[in-house]
C-alpha atoms as a PDB file:
ATOM      1  CA  UNK A   1      89.644 118.295  72.326  1.00  0.00           C
ATOM      2  CA  UNK A   2      90.080 118.960  76.063  1.00  0.00           C
ATOM      3  CA  UNK A   3      90.955 116.047  78.367  1.00  0.00           C
ATOM      4  CA  UNK A   4      91.028 115.976  82.136  1.00  0.00           C
ATOM      5  CA  UNK A   5      93.647 113.657  83.609  1.00  0.00           C
ATOM      6  CA  UNK A   6      92.680 112.080  86.940  1.00  0.00           C
ATOM      7  CA  UNK A   7      95.131 110.950  89.578  1.00  0.00           C
ATOM      8  CA  UNK A   8      94.254 107.453  90.791  1.00  0.00           C
ATOM      9  CA  UNK A   9      93.974 106.860  94.520  1.00  0.00           C
ATOM     10  CA  UNK A  10      95.384 103.470  95.486  1.00  0.00           C
ATOM     11  CA  UNK A  11      93.044 101.283  97.507  1.00  0.00           C
ATOM     12  CA  UNK A  12      93.779  97.847  98.854  1.00  0.00           C
ATOM     13  CA  UNK A  13      91.552  94.964  97.665  1.00  0.00           C
ATOM     14  CA  UNK A  14      90.052  94.746 101.154  1.00  0.00           C
ATOM     15  CA  UNK A  15      88.528  98.196 100.635  1.00  0.00           C
ATOM     16  CA  UNK A  16      86.078  96.843  98.052  1.00  0.00           C
ATOM     17  CA  UNK A  17      83.766  94.111  99.197  1.00  0.00           C
ATOM     18  CA  UNK A  18      82.088  93.202  95.904  1.00  0.00           C
ATOM     19  CA  UNK A  19      84.343  94.307  93.080  1.00  0.00           C
ATOM     20  CA  UNK A  20      88.019  93.631  93.650  1.00  0.00           C
ATOM     21  CA  UNK A  21      89.084  95.767  90.679  1.00  0.00           C
ATOM     22  CA  UNK A  22      90.442  99.044  92.058  1.00  0.00           C
ATOM     23  CA  UNK A  23      90.889 100.749  88.691  1.00  0.00           C
ATOM     24  CA  UNK A  24      89.057 103.941  87.998  1.00  0.00           C
ATOM     25  CA  UNK A  25      86.233 103.832  85.489  1.00  0.00           C
ATOM     26  CA  UNK A  26      88.380 105.956  83.212  1.00  0.00           C
ATOM     27  CA  UNK A  27      91.799 107.391  83.912  1.00  0.00           C
ATOM     28  CA  UNK A  28      91.285 109.930  81.135  1.00  0.00           C
ATOM     29  CA  UNK A  29      87.888 111.563  80.912  1.00  0.00           C
ATOM     30  CA  UNK A  30      86.690 113.797  78.127  1.00  0.00           C
ATOM     31  CA  UNK A  31      85.404 117.208  79.142  1.00  0.00           C
ATOM     32  CA  UNK A  32      81.593 117.197  79.518  1.00  0.00           C
ATOM     33  CA  UNK A  33      79.694 117.944  76.336  1.00  0.00           C
ATOM     34  CA  UNK A  34      75.969 118.386  75.964  1.00  0.00           C
ATOM     35  CA  UNK A  35      73.243 118.496  78.576  1.00  0.00           C
ATOM     36  CA  UNK A  36      72.828 116.008  81.410  1.00  0.00           C
ATOM     37  CA  UNK A  37      69.363 114.508  81.067  1.00  0.00           C
ATOM     38  CA  UNK A  38      67.060 113.322  83.838  1.00  0.00           C
ATOM     39  CA  UNK A  39      65.867 109.709  83.777  1.00  0.00           C
ATOM     40  CA  UNK A  40      62.422 110.714  82.467  1.00  0.00           C
ATOM     41  CA  UNK A  41      64.022 112.481  79.481  1.00  0.00           C
ATOM     42  CA  UNK A  42      65.940 109.522  78.024  1.00  0.00           C
ATOM     43  CA  UNK A  43      64.693 106.473  76.108  1.00  0.00           C
ATOM     44  CA  UNK A  44      66.888 104.075  78.097  1.00  0.00           C
ATOM     45  CA  UNK A  45      68.267 105.180  81.487  1.00  0.00           C
ATOM     46  CA  UNK A  46      71.727 104.250  82.758  1.00  0.00           C
ATOM     47  CA  UNK A  47      72.118 100.691  84.071  1.00  0.00           C
ATOM     48  CA  UNK A  48      74.773  99.604  86.517  1.00  0.00           C
ATOM     49  CA  UNK A  49      77.449  97.446  84.886  1.00  0.00           C
ATOM     50  CA  UNK A  50      80.033  97.227  87.692  1.00  0.00           C
ATOM     51  CA  UNK A  51      79.006  97.648  91.324  1.00  0.00           C
ATOM     52  CA  UNK A  52      81.439  98.856  93.974  1.00  0.00           C
ATOM     53  CA  UNK A  53      80.587  98.995  97.662  1.00  0.00           C
ATOM     54  CA  UNK A  54      82.078 101.960  99.528  1.00  0.00           C
ATOM     55  CA  UNK A  55      84.546 101.152 102.274  1.00  0.00           C
ATOM     56  CA  UNK A  56      83.293 101.833 105.768  1.00  0.00           C
ATOM     57  CA  UNK A  57      85.575 104.569 107.177  1.00  0.00           C
ATOM     58  CA  UNK A  58      88.158 103.075 109.580  1.00  0.00           C
ATOM     59  CA  UNK A  59      87.778 106.012 111.990  1.00  0.00           C
ATOM     60  CA  UNK A  60      84.035 105.270 112.321  1.00  0.00           C
ATOM     61  CA  UNK A  61      84.295 101.505 112.931  1.00  0.00           C
ATOM     62  CA  UNK A  62      83.995 101.864 116.694  1.00  0.00           C
ATOM     63  CA  UNK A  63      80.789 103.904 116.424  1.00  0.00           C
ATOM     64  CA  UNK A  64      78.687 101.064 115.013  1.00  0.00           C
ATOM     65  CA  UNK A  65      76.512 103.565 113.154  1.00  0.00           C
ATOM     66  CA  UNK A  66      75.241 103.201 109.614  1.00  0.00           C
ATOM     67  CA  UNK A  67      76.375 106.025 107.375  1.00  0.00           C
ATOM     68  CA  UNK A  68      74.228 107.629 104.700  1.00  0.00           C
ATOM     69  CA  UNK A  69      75.356 109.859 101.845  1.00  0.00           C
ATOM     70  CA  UNK A  70      72.989 111.611  99.437  1.00  0.00           C
ATOM     71  CA  UNK A  71      74.740 112.396  96.165  1.00  0.00           C
ATOM     72  CA  UNK A  72      74.033 113.851  92.767  1.00  0.00           C
ATOM     73  CA  UNK A  73      76.328 113.061  89.837  1.00  0.00           C
ATOM     74  CA  UNK A  74      76.426 112.709  86.057  1.00  0.00           C
ATOM     75  CA  UNK A  75      77.156 109.512  84.147  1.00  0.00           C
ATOM     76  CA  UNK A  76      78.875 110.341  80.849  1.00  0.00           C
ATOM     77  CA  UNK A  77      78.259 108.696  77.443  1.00  0.00           C
ATOM     78  CA  UNK A  78      81.096 106.241  78.173  1.00  0.00           C
ATOM     79  CA  UNK A  79      79.280 105.000  81.286  1.00  0.00           C
ATOM     80  CA  UNK A  80      81.610 106.634  83.820  1.00  0.00           C
ATOM     81  CA  UNK A  81      80.774 109.041  86.639  1.00  0.00           C
ATOM     82  CA  UNK A  82      82.091 112.508  85.809  1.00  0.00           C
ATOM     83  CA  UNK A  83      84.277 113.239  88.882  1.00  0.00           C
ATOM     84  CA  UNK A  84      83.707 116.995  88.745  1.00  0.00           C
ATOM     85  CA  UNK A  85      79.931 116.462  88.754  1.00  0.00           C
ATOM     86  CA  UNK A  86      79.813 114.639  92.110  1.00  0.00           C
ATOM     87  CA  UNK A  87      77.920 116.745  94.615  1.00  0.00           C
ATOM     88  CA  UNK A  88      77.456 115.588  98.207  1.00  0.00           C
ATOM     89  CA  UNK A  89      73.983 116.791  99.176  1.00  0.00           C
ATOM     90  CA  UNK A  90      73.982 115.360 102.707  1.00  0.00           C
ATOM     91  CA  UNK A  91      76.127 112.929 104.680  1.00  0.00           C
ATOM     92  CA  UNK A  92      76.297 111.400 108.137  1.00  0.00           C
ATOM     93  CA  UNK A  93      79.787 112.907 108.298  1.00  0.00           C
ATOM     94  CA  UNK A  94      82.693 113.788 106.019  1.00  0.00           C
ATOM     95  CA  UNK A  95      84.384 110.368 106.333  1.00  0.00           C
ATOM     96  CA  UNK A  96      81.296 108.671 104.876  1.00  0.00           C
ATOM     97  CA  UNK A  97      81.099 111.315 102.132  1.00  0.00           C
ATOM     98  CA  UNK A  98      84.711 110.635 101.114  1.00  0.00           C
ATOM     99  CA  UNK A  99      84.124 106.858 101.082  1.00  0.00           C
ATOM    100  CA  UNK A 100      81.132 107.364  98.776  1.00  0.00           C
ATOM    101  CA  UNK A 101      83.091 109.727  96.505  1.00  0.00           C
ATOM    102  CA  UNK A 102      85.905 107.170  96.101  1.00  0.00           C
ATOM    103  CA  UNK A 103      83.453 104.368  95.294  1.00  0.00           C
ATOM    104  CA  UNK A 104      81.629 106.485  92.686  1.00  0.00           C
ATOM    105  CA  UNK A 105      84.882 106.898  90.745  1.00  0.00           C
ATOM    106  CA  UNK A 106      84.968 103.130  90.238  1.00  0.00           C
ATOM    107  CA  UNK A 107      81.369 102.522  89.153  1.00  0.00           C
ATOM    108  CA  UNK A 108      80.744 101.511  85.560  1.00  0.00           C
ATOM    109  CA  UNK A 109      77.367 101.973  83.869  1.00  0.00           C
ATOM    110  CA  UNK A 110      75.753 101.157  80.569  1.00  0.00           C
ATOM    111  CA  UNK A 111      75.151 104.754  79.417  1.00  0.00           C
ATOM    112  CA  UNK A 112      71.764 106.364  78.945  1.00  0.00           C
ATOM    113  CA  UNK A 113      70.363 106.332  75.413  1.00  0.00           C
ATOM    114  CA  UNK A 114      68.363 109.028  73.678  1.00  0.00           C
ATOM    115  CA  UNK A 115      67.268 108.527  70.080  1.00  0.00           C
ATOM    116  CA  UNK A 116      69.880 105.815  69.555  1.00  0.00           C
ATOM    117  CA  UNK A 117      72.882 107.695  70.934  1.00  0.00           C
ATOM    118  CA  UNK A 118      74.648 107.594  74.298  1.00  0.00           C
ATOM    119  CA  UNK A 119      74.061 110.719  76.390  1.00  0.00           C
ATOM    120  CA  UNK A 120      74.907 112.141  79.807  1.00  0.00           C
ATOM    121  CA  UNK A 121      72.426 111.414  82.610  1.00  0.00           C
ATOM    122  CA  UNK A 122      72.118 112.995  86.034  1.00  0.00           C
ATOM    123  CA  UNK A 123      71.621 110.610  88.970  1.00  0.00           C
ATOM    124  CA  UNK A 124      70.349 111.254  92.517  1.00  0.00           C
ATOM    125  CA  UNK A 125      71.230 108.468  94.932  1.00  0.00           C
ATOM    126  CA  UNK A 126      71.418 107.672  98.616  1.00  0.00           C
ATOM    127  CA  UNK A 127      74.381 105.468  99.483  1.00  0.00           C
ATOM    128  CA  UNK A 128      74.146 103.376 102.660  1.00  0.00           C
ATOM    129  CA  UNK A 129      77.311 102.304 104.493  1.00  0.00           C
ATOM    130  CA  UNK A 130      76.488  99.733 107.180  1.00  0.00           C
ATOM    131  CA  UNK A 131      79.094  99.066 109.870  1.00  0.00           C
ATOM    132  CA  UNK A 132      81.333  96.085 109.154  1.00  0.00           C
ATOM    133  CA  UNK A 133      80.536  92.770 110.825  1.00  0.00           C
ATOM    134  CA  UNK A 134      82.141  92.446 114.214  1.00  0.00           C
ATOM    135  CA  UNK A 135      83.071  88.804 113.595  1.00  0.00           C
END
């Protein structure tokens, strides 16, 4: 069995506004097996279990602009985002794309179900990063 070992990136608790847990969904992820289904192809689609809000990039704080990142990724049968599947389709700029990529590594889902078994599911999502409050 092939395993991919991920190197964790340390984030301070202030980087996550909703979930203070900075652990990765899985430090050891099994190599992808089987097809990644679309939502319409599964009996029960993935459901978010642990939400993580991306950190607004420090270099962009002065701009006051809202960042947007369109991503495509696969949630594995364990409910984790497969890091190698993350594809940035469009982004306001690279700093917002990196913030979204880091947050995706910490999401936890209830996996998709097909005929009573957990399966991989492909997700398309737009992530919005509003500027932090100026208070």
